[in-house]
All heavy atoms as atom14 arrays in JSON, in Angstrom:
{
  "sequence": "RVGEVLCSVDGEPGRLIPNLTVSARIPSAHVEAAPS",
  "atom14_mask": [
    [1, 1, 1, 1, 1, 1, 1, 1, 1, 1, 1, 0, 0, 0],
    [1, 1, 1, 1, 1, 1, 1, 0, 0, 0, 0, 0, 0, 0],
    [1, 1, 1, 1, 0, 0, 0, 0, 0, 0, 0, 0, 0, 0],
    [1, 1, 1, 1, 1, 1, 1, 1, 1, 0, 0, 0, 0, 0],
    [1, 1, 1, 1, 1, 1, 1, 0, 0, 0, 0, 0, 0, 0],
    [1, 1, 1, 1, 1, 1, 1, 1, 0, 0, 0, 0, 0, 0],
    [1, 1, 1, 1, 1, 1, 0, 0, 0, 0, 0, 0, 0, 0],
    [1, 1, 1, 1, 1, 1, 0, 0, 0, 0, 0, 0, 0, 0],
    [1, 1, 1, 1, 1, 1, 1, 0, 0, 0, 0, 0, 0, 0],
    [1, 1, 1, 1, 1, 1, 1, 1, 0, 0, 0, 0, 0, 0],
    [1, 1, 1, 1, 0, 0, 0, 0, 0, 0, 0, 0, 0, 0],
    [1, 1, 1, 1, 1, 1, 1, 1, 1, 0, 0, 0, 0, 0],
    [1, 1, 1, 1, 1, 1, 1, 0, 0, 0, 0, 0, 0, 0],
    [1, 1, 1, 1, 0, 0, 0, 0, 0, 0, 0, 0, 0, 0],
    [1, 1, 1, 1, 1, 1, 1, 1, 1, 1, 1, 0, 0, 0],
    [1, 1, 1, 1, 1, 1, 1, 1, 0, 0, 0, 0, 0, 0],
    [1, 1, 1, 1, 1, 1, 1, 1, 0, 0, 0, 0, 0, 0],
    [1, 1, 1, 1, 1, 1, 1, 0, 0, 0, 0, 0, 0, 0],
    [1, 1, 1, 1, 1, 1, 1, 1, 0, 0, 0, 0, 0, 0],
    [1, 1, 1, 1, 1, 1, 1, 1, 0, 0, 0, 0, 0, 0],
    [1, 1, 1, 1, 1, 1, 1, 0, 0, 0, 0, 0, 0, 0],
    [1, 1, 1, 1, 1, 1, 1, 0, 0, 0, 0, 0, 0, 0],
    [1, 1, 1, 1, 1, 1, 0, 0, 0, 0, 0, 0, 0, 0],
    [1, 1, 1, 1, 1, 0, 0, 0, 0, 0, 0, 0, 0, 0],
    [1, 1, 1, 1, 1, 1, 1, 1, 1, 1, 1, 0, 0, 0],
    [1, 1, 1, 1, 1, 1, 1, 1, 0, 0, 0, 0, 0, 0],
    [1, 1, 1, 1, 1, 1, 1, 0, 0, 0, 0, 0, 0, 0],
    [1, 1, 1, 1, 1, 1, 0, 0, 0, 0, 0, 0, 0, 0],
    [1, 1, 1, 1, 1, 0, 0, 0, 0, 0, 0, 0, 0, 0],
    [1, 1, 1, 1, 1, 1, 1, 1, 1, 1, 0, 0, 0, 0],
    [1, 1, 1, 1, 1, 1, 1, 0, 0, 0, 0, 0, 0, 0],
    [1, 1, 1, 1, 1, 1, 1, 1, 1, 0, 0, 0, 0, 0],
    [1, 1, 1, 1, 1, 0, 0, 0, 0, 0, 0, 0, 0, 0],
    [1, 1, 1, 1, 1, 0, 0, 0, 0, 0, 0, 0, 0, 0],
    [1, 1, 1, 1, 1, 1, 1, 0, 0, 0, 0, 0, 0, 0],
    [1, 1, 1, 1, 1, 1, 0, 0, 0, 0, 0, 0, 0, 0]
  ],
  "atom14_positions": [
    [[103.57, 101.8, 113.11], [103.14, 102.26, 114.42], [103.42, 103.77, 114.45], [104.57, 104.2, 114.33], [103.9, 101.54, 115.54], [103.46, 100.1, 115.72], [104.31, 99.38, 116.75], [104.33, 100.05, 118.03], [103.36, 99.99, 118.95], [102.28, 99.26, 118.71], [103.47, 100.63, 120.09], [0.0, 0.0, 0.0], [0.0, 0.0, 0.0], [0.0, 0.0, 0.0]],
    [[102.36, 104.55, 114.6], [102.49, 105.99, 114.41], [101.81, 106.75, 115.54], [100.98, 106.22, 116.28], [101.86, 106.43, 113.07], [102.55, 105.74, 111.9], [100.36, 106.14, 113.04], [0.0, 0.0, 0.0], [0.0, 0.0, 0.0], [0.0, 0.0, 0.0], [0.0, 0.0, 0.0], [0.0, 0.0, 0.0], [0.0, 0.0, 0.0], [0.0, 0.0, 0.0]],
    [[102.19, 108.02, 115.66], [101.5, 108.95, 116.54], [100.86, 110.03, 115.69], [101.42, 110.44, 114.67], [0.0, 0.0, 0.0], [0.0, 0.0, 0.0], [0.0, 0.0, 0.0], [0.0, 0.0, 0.0], [0.0, 0.0, 0.0], [0.0, 0.0, 0.0], [0.0, 0.0, 0.0], [0.0, 0.0, 0.0], [0.0, 0.0, 0.0], [0.0, 0.0, 0.0]],
    [[99.69, 110.48, 116.11], [98.95, 111.49, 115.35], [99.3, 112.89, 115.87], [99.08, 113.2, 117.03], [97.45, 111.25, 115.45], [96.61, 112.23, 114.67], [95.13, 111.96, 114.83], [94.69, 110.84, 114.47], [94.41, 112.85, 115.33], [0.0, 0.0, 0.0], [0.0, 0.0, 0.0], [0.0, 0.0, 0.0], [0.0, 0.0, 0.0], [0.0, 0.0, 0.0]],
    [[99.83, 113.72, 115.0], [100.24, 115.09, 115.33], [99.34, 116.06, 114.57], [99.08, 115.85, 113.38], [101.72, 115.32, 114.95], [102.09, 116.8, 115.06], [102.63, 114.47, 115.83], [0.0, 0.0, 0.0], [0.0, 0.0, 0.0], [0.0, 0.0, 0.0], [0.0, 0.0, 0.0], [0.0, 0.0, 0.0], [0.0, 0.0, 0.0], [0.0, 0.0, 0.0]],
    [[98.88, 117.11, 115.24], [98.07, 118.14, 114.58], [98.92, 119.37, 114.33], [99.7, 119.79, 115.2], [96.85, 118.5, 115.43], [95.77, 117.43, 115.54], [94.57, 117.97, 116.31], [95.32, 116.94, 114.17], [0.0, 0.0, 0.0], [0.0, 0.0, 0.0], [0.0, 0.0, 0.0], [0.0, 0.0, 0.0], [0.0, 0.0, 0.0], [0.0, 0.0, 0.0]],
    [[98.75, 119.94, 113.16], [99.58, 121.06, 112.71], [98.67, 122.14, 112.14], [97.91, 121.87, 111.2], [100.56, 120.55, 111.66], [101.79, 121.72, 111.14], [0.0, 0.0, 0.0], [0.0, 0.0, 0.0], [0.0, 0.0, 0.0], [0.0, 0.0, 0.0], [0.0, 0.0, 0.0], [0.0, 0.0, 0.0], [0.0, 0.0, 0.0], [0.0, 0.0, 0.0]],
    [[98.68, 123.35, 112.7], [97.83, 124.44, 112.23], [98.5, 125.18, 111.07], [99.64, 125.64, 111.19], [97.54, 125.43, 113.38], [96.76, 124.8, 114.37], [0.0, 0.0, 0.0], [0.0, 0.0, 0.0], [0.0, 0.0, 0.0], [0.0, 0.0, 0.0], [0.0, 0.0, 0.0], [0.0, 0.0, 0.0], [0.0, 0.0, 0.0], [0.0, 0.0, 0.0]],
    [[97.77, 125.28, 109.96], [98.31, 125.89, 108.75], [98.31, 127.41, 108.88], [97.34, 128.01, 109.36], [97.48, 125.46, 107.53], [97.99, 126.14, 106.25], [97.52, 123.94, 107.39], [0.0, 0.0, 0.0], [0.0, 0.0, 0.0], [0.0, 0.0, 0.0], [0.0, 0.0, 0.0], [0.0, 0.0, 0.0], [0.0, 0.0, 0.0], [0.0, 0.0, 0.0]],
    [[99.4, 128.03, 108.46], [99.53, 129.48, 108.54], [98.7, 130.15, 107.45], [98.61, 129.66, 106.32], [101.0, 129.91, 108.35], [101.9, 129.33, 109.42], [101.38, 128.99, 110.49], [103.11, 129.21, 109.17], [0.0, 0.0, 0.0], [0.0, 0.0, 0.0], [0.0, 0.0, 0.0], [0.0, 0.0, 0.0], [0.0, 0.0, 0.0], [0.0, 0.0, 0.0]],
    [[98.12, 131.3, 107.8], [97.48, 132.16, 106.82], [96.3, 131.52, 106.12], [95.64, 130.63, 106.64], [0.0, 0.0, 0.0], [0.0, 0.0, 0.0], [0.0, 0.0, 0.0], [0.0, 0.0, 0.0], [0.0, 0.0, 0.0], [0.0, 0.0, 0.0], [0.0, 0.0, 0.0], [0.0, 0.0, 0.0], [0.0, 0.0, 0.0], [0.0, 0.0, 0.0]],
    [[96.04, 131.98, 104.9], [94.92, 131.5, 104.11], [95.25, 130.15, 103.47], [96.22, 130.04, 102.72], [94.6, 132.53, 103.01], [93.51, 132.11, 102.06], [92.2, 131.78, 102.77], [91.8, 132.55, 103.66], [91.6, 130.74, 102.43], [0.0, 0.0, 0.0], [0.0, 0.0, 0.0], [0.0, 0.0, 0.0], [0.0, 0.0, 0.0], [0.0, 0.0, 0.0]],
    [[94.46, 129.09, 103.77], [94.81, 127.77, 103.26], [94.62, 127.61, 101.76], [95.19, 126.72, 101.14], [93.87, 126.83, 104.03], [92.71, 127.69, 104.41], [93.28, 129.07, 104.65], [0.0, 0.0, 0.0], [0.0, 0.0, 0.0], [0.0, 0.0, 0.0], [0.0, 0.0, 0.0], [0.0, 0.0, 0.0], [0.0, 0.0, 0.0], [0.0, 0.0, 0.0]],
    [[93.79, 128.45, 101.15], [93.59, 128.38, 99.71], [93.02, 127.03, 99.28], [91.94, 126.64, 99.71], [0.0, 0.0, 0.0], [0.0, 0.0, 0.0], [0.0, 0.0, 0.0], [0.0, 0.0, 0.0], [0.0, 0.0, 0.0], [0.0, 0.0, 0.0], [0.0, 0.0, 0.0], [0.0, 0.0, 0.0], [0.0, 0.0, 0.0], [0.0, 0.0, 0.0]],
    [[93.78, 126.3, 98.47], [93.3, 125.03, 97.92], [93.49, 123.86, 98.88], [93.23, 122.71, 98.5], [94.01, 124.74, 96.6], [93.68, 125.72, 95.5], [94.4, 125.35, 94.21], [94.04, 126.24, 93.13], [94.52, 126.14, 91.89], [95.42, 125.2, 91.62], [94.15, 126.99, 90.95], [0.0, 0.0, 0.0], [0.0, 0.0, 0.0], [0.0, 0.0, 0.0]],
    [[93.94, 124.11, 100.06], [94.15, 123.05, 101.05], [92.79, 122.71, 101.65], [92.42, 123.16, 102.72], [95.13, 123.51, 102.13], [95.71, 122.41, 103.04], [96.47, 121.39, 102.21], [96.61, 123.02, 104.08], [0.0, 0.0, 0.0], [0.0, 0.0, 0.0], [0.0, 0.0, 0.0], [0.0, 0.0, 0.0], [0.0, 0.0, 0.0], [0.0, 0.0, 0.0]],
    [[92.02, 121.88, 100.95], [90.65, 121.57, 101.33], [90.61, 120.36, 102.26], [91.56, 119.57, 102.31], [89.79, 121.3, 100.08], [90.39, 120.13, 99.27], [89.7, 122.54, 99.22], [89.57, 119.74, 98.06], [0.0, 0.0, 0.0], [0.0, 0.0, 0.0], [0.0, 0.0, 0.0], [0.0, 0.0, 0.0], [0.0, 0.0, 0.0], [0.0, 0.0, 0.0]],
    [[89.53, 120.2, 103.02], [89.42, 119.05, 103.93], [89.54, 117.72, 103.19], [89.11, 117.58, 102.05], [88.01, 119.23, 104.53], [87.75, 120.7, 104.45], [88.4, 121.15, 103.17], [0.0, 0.0, 0.0], [0.0, 0.0, 0.0], [0.0, 0.0, 0.0], [0.0, 0.0, 0.0], [0.0, 0.0, 0.0], [0.0, 0.0, 0.0], [0.0, 0.0, 0.0]],
    [[90.16, 116.75, 103.86], [90.36, 115.38, 103.36], [91.37, 115.27, 102.23], [91.52, 114.21, 101.64], [89.03, 114.75, 102.93], [88.16, 114.39, 104.1], [88.62, 114.28, 105.23], [86.87, 114.23, 103.85], [0.0, 0.0, 0.0], [0.0, 0.0, 0.0], [0.0, 0.0, 0.0], [0.0, 0.0, 0.0], [0.0, 0.0, 0.0], [0.0, 0.0, 0.0]],
    [[92.09, 116.35, 101.92], [93.15, 116.28, 100.92], [94.36, 115.58, 101.53], [94.77, 115.88, 102.64], [93.53, 117.69, 100.48], [94.65, 117.8, 99.43], [94.15, 117.28, 98.08], [95.1, 119.25, 99.29], [0.0, 0.0, 0.0], [0.0, 0.0, 0.0], [0.0, 0.0, 0.0], [0.0, 0.0, 0.0], [0.0, 0.0, 0.0], [0.0, 0.0, 0.0]],
    [[94.93, 114.63, 100.8], [96.12, 113.92, 101.27], [97.36, 114.77, 101.0], [97.56, 115.24, 99.87], [96.26, 112.57, 100.55], [95.11, 111.76, 100.84], [97.51, 111.84, 101.03], [0.0, 0.0, 0.0], [0.0, 0.0, 0.0], [0.0, 0.0, 0.0], [0.0, 0.0, 0.0], [0.0, 0.0, 0.0], [0.0, 0.0, 0.0], [0.0, 0.0, 0.0]],
    [[98.16, 114.98, 102.03], [99.37, 115.8, 101.9], [100.58, 115.03, 102.43], [100.44, 114.06, 103.16], [99.24, 117.14, 102.67], [98.09, 117.97, 102.12], [99.05, 116.89, 104.17], [0.0, 0.0, 0.0], [0.0, 0.0, 0.0], [0.0, 0.0, 0.0], [0.0, 0.0, 0.0], [0.0, 0.0, 0.0], [0.0, 0.0, 0.0], [0.0, 0.0, 0.0]],
    [[101.75, 115.49, 102.03], [103.01, 115.01, 102.6], [103.6, 116.12, 103.43], [103.43, 117.3, 103.12], [103.98, 114.6, 101.49], [103.45, 113.55, 100.71], [0.0, 0.0, 0.0], [0.0, 0.0, 0.0], [0.0, 0.0, 0.0], [0.0, 0.0, 0.0], [0.0, 0.0, 0.0], [0.0, 0.0, 0.0], [0.0, 0.0, 0.0], [0.0, 0.0, 0.0]],
    [[104.3, 115.75, 104.52], [104.85, 116.76, 105.43], [106.34, 116.53, 105.63], [106.8, 115.38, 105.72], [104.13, 116.72, 106.77], [0.0, 0.0, 0.0], [0.0, 0.0, 0.0], [0.0, 0.0, 0.0], [0.0, 0.0, 0.0], [0.0, 0.0, 0.0], [0.0, 0.0, 0.0], [0.0, 0.0, 0.0], [0.0, 0.0, 0.0], [0.0, 0.0, 0.0]],
    [[107.06, 117.63, 105.7], [108.49, 117.58, 106.02], [108.72, 118.44, 107.25], [108.39, 119.63, 107.26], [109.32, 118.11, 104.85], [110.82, 118.16, 105.14], [111.6, 118.66, 103.95], [111.5, 117.74, 102.82], [112.04, 117.98, 101.63], [112.7, 119.1, 101.42], [111.92, 117.09, 100.66], [0.0, 0.0, 0.0], [0.0, 0.0, 0.0], [0.0, 0.0, 0.0]],
    [[109.26, 117.82, 108.32], [109.5, 118.53, 109.57], [111.0, 118.48, 109.88], [111.5, 117.47, 110.39], [108.7, 117.9, 110.74], [107.22, 117.81, 110.39], [108.88, 118.73, 112.01], [106.38, 117.16, 111.46], [0.0, 0.0, 0.0], [0.0, 0.0, 0.0], [0.0, 0.0, 0.0], [0.0, 0.0, 0.0], [0.0, 0.0, 0.0], [0.0, 0.0, 0.0]],
    [[111.75, 119.52, 109.57], [113.18, 119.53, 109.91], [113.35, 119.53, 111.43], [112.76, 120.33, 112.13], [113.69, 120.83, 109.3], [112.64, 121.27, 108.33], [111.35, 120.76, 108.88], [0.0, 0.0, 0.0], [0.0, 0.0, 0.0], [0.0, 0.0, 0.0], [0.0, 0.0, 0.0], [0.0, 0.0, 0.0], [0.0, 0.0, 0.0], [0.0, 0.0, 0.0]],
    [[114.17, 118.61, 111.93], [114.39, 118.55, 113.38], [115.84, 118.84, 113.76], [116.12, 119.22, 114.89], [113.99, 117.17, 113.93], [114.74, 116.16, 113.3], [0.0, 0.0, 0.0], [0.0, 0.0, 0.0], [0.0, 0.0, 0.0], [0.0, 0.0, 0.0], [0.0, 0.0, 0.0], [0.0, 0.0, 0.0], [0.0, 0.0, 0.0], [0.0, 0.0, 0.0]],
    [[116.76, 118.63, 112.83], [118.18, 118.88, 113.09], [118.92, 118.88, 111.76], [118.4, 118.45, 110.74], [118.76, 117.82, 114.03], [0.0, 0.0, 0.0], [0.0, 0.0, 0.0], [0.0, 0.0, 0.0], [0.0, 0.0, 0.0], [0.0, 0.0, 0.0], [0.0, 0.0, 0.0], [0.0, 0.0, 0.0], [0.0, 0.0, 0.0], [0.0, 0.0, 0.0]],
    [[120.17, 119.36, 111.83], [120.99, 119.43, 110.62], [122.45, 119.14, 110.98], [122.96, 119.68, 111.96], [120.87, 120.81, 109.98], [121.74, 120.98, 108.76], [121.41, 120.45, 107.55], [122.93, 121.62, 108.61], [122.35, 120.75, 106.67], [123.29, 121.46, 107.28], [0.0, 0.0, 0.0], [0.0, 0.0, 0.0], [0.0, 0.0, 0.0], [0.0, 0.0, 0.0]],
    [[123.07, 118.27, 110.21], [124.49, 117.98, 110.43], [125.21, 118.01, 109.09], [124.6, 117.77, 108.04], [124.7, 116.58, 111.09], [124.19, 116.58, 112.5], [124.03, 115.49, 110.27], [0.0, 0.0, 0.0], [0.0, 0.0, 0.0], [0.0, 0.0, 0.0], [0.0, 0.0, 0.0], [0.0, 0.0, 0.0], [0.0, 0.0, 0.0], [0.0, 0.0, 0.0]],
    [[126.48, 118.34, 109.12], [127.3, 118.4, 107.91], [128.21, 117.18, 107.83], [128.84, 116.79, 108.81], [128.16, 119.69, 107.92], [127.35, 120.98, 107.85], [126.76, 121.22, 106.48], [127.17, 120.51, 105.53], [125.89, 122.1, 106.34], [0.0, 0.0, 0.0], [0.0, 0.0, 0.0], [0.0, 0.0, 0.0], [0.0, 0.0, 0.0], [0.0, 0.0, 0.0]],
    [[128.28, 116.59, 106.64], [129.23, 115.5, 106.34], [129.19, 114.37, 107.37], [130.23, 113.9, 107.83], [130.64, 116.06, 106.22], [0.0, 0.0, 0.0], [0.0, 0.0, 0.0], [0.0, 0.0, 0.0], [0.0, 0.0, 0.0], [0.0, 0.0, 0.0], [0.0, 0.0, 0.0], [0.0, 0.0, 0.0], [0.0, 0.0, 0.0], [0.0, 0.0, 0.0]],
    [[128.01, 113.96, 107.77], [127.88, 112.88, 108.75], [127.75, 111.54, 108.03], [127.15, 111.47, 106.95], [126.66, 113.11, 109.63], [0.0, 0.0, 0.0], [0.0, 0.0, 0.0], [0.0, 0.0, 0.0], [0.0, 0.0, 0.0], [0.0, 0.0, 0.0], [0.0, 0.0, 0.0], [0.0, 0.0, 0.0], [0.0, 0.0, 0.0], [0.0, 0.0, 0.0]],
    [[128.29, 110.43, 108.61], [128.08, 109.1, 108.02], [126.58, 108.79, 107.99], [125.86, 109.06, 108.96], [128.82, 108.16, 108.97], [129.76, 109.04, 109.73], [129.11, 110.38, 109.82], [0.0, 0.0, 0.0], [0.0, 0.0, 0.0], [0.0, 0.0, 0.0], [0.0, 0.0, 0.0], [0.0, 0.0, 0.0], [0.0, 0.0, 0.0], [0.0, 0.0, 0.0]],
    [[126.13, 108.25, 106.88], [124.7, 107.98, 106.76], [124.46, 106.77, 105.87], [125.36, 106.34, 105.12], [123.97, 109.2, 106.18], [124.4, 109.47, 104.85], [0.0, 0.0, 0.0], [0.0, 0.0, 0.0], [0.0, 0.0, 0.0], [0.0, 0.0, 0.0], [0.0, 0.0, 0.0], [0.0, 0.0, 0.0], [0.0, 0.0, 0.0], [0.0, 0.0, 0.0]]
  ]
}
């Protein structure tokens, strides 16, 4: 179950062509030495 998010690419996309499958990493927070 997902939500669709749109993300505008910075600068010249180069080889980032339409319909290319990509993976995304979105840092939201950072903690040190937390139980995980």
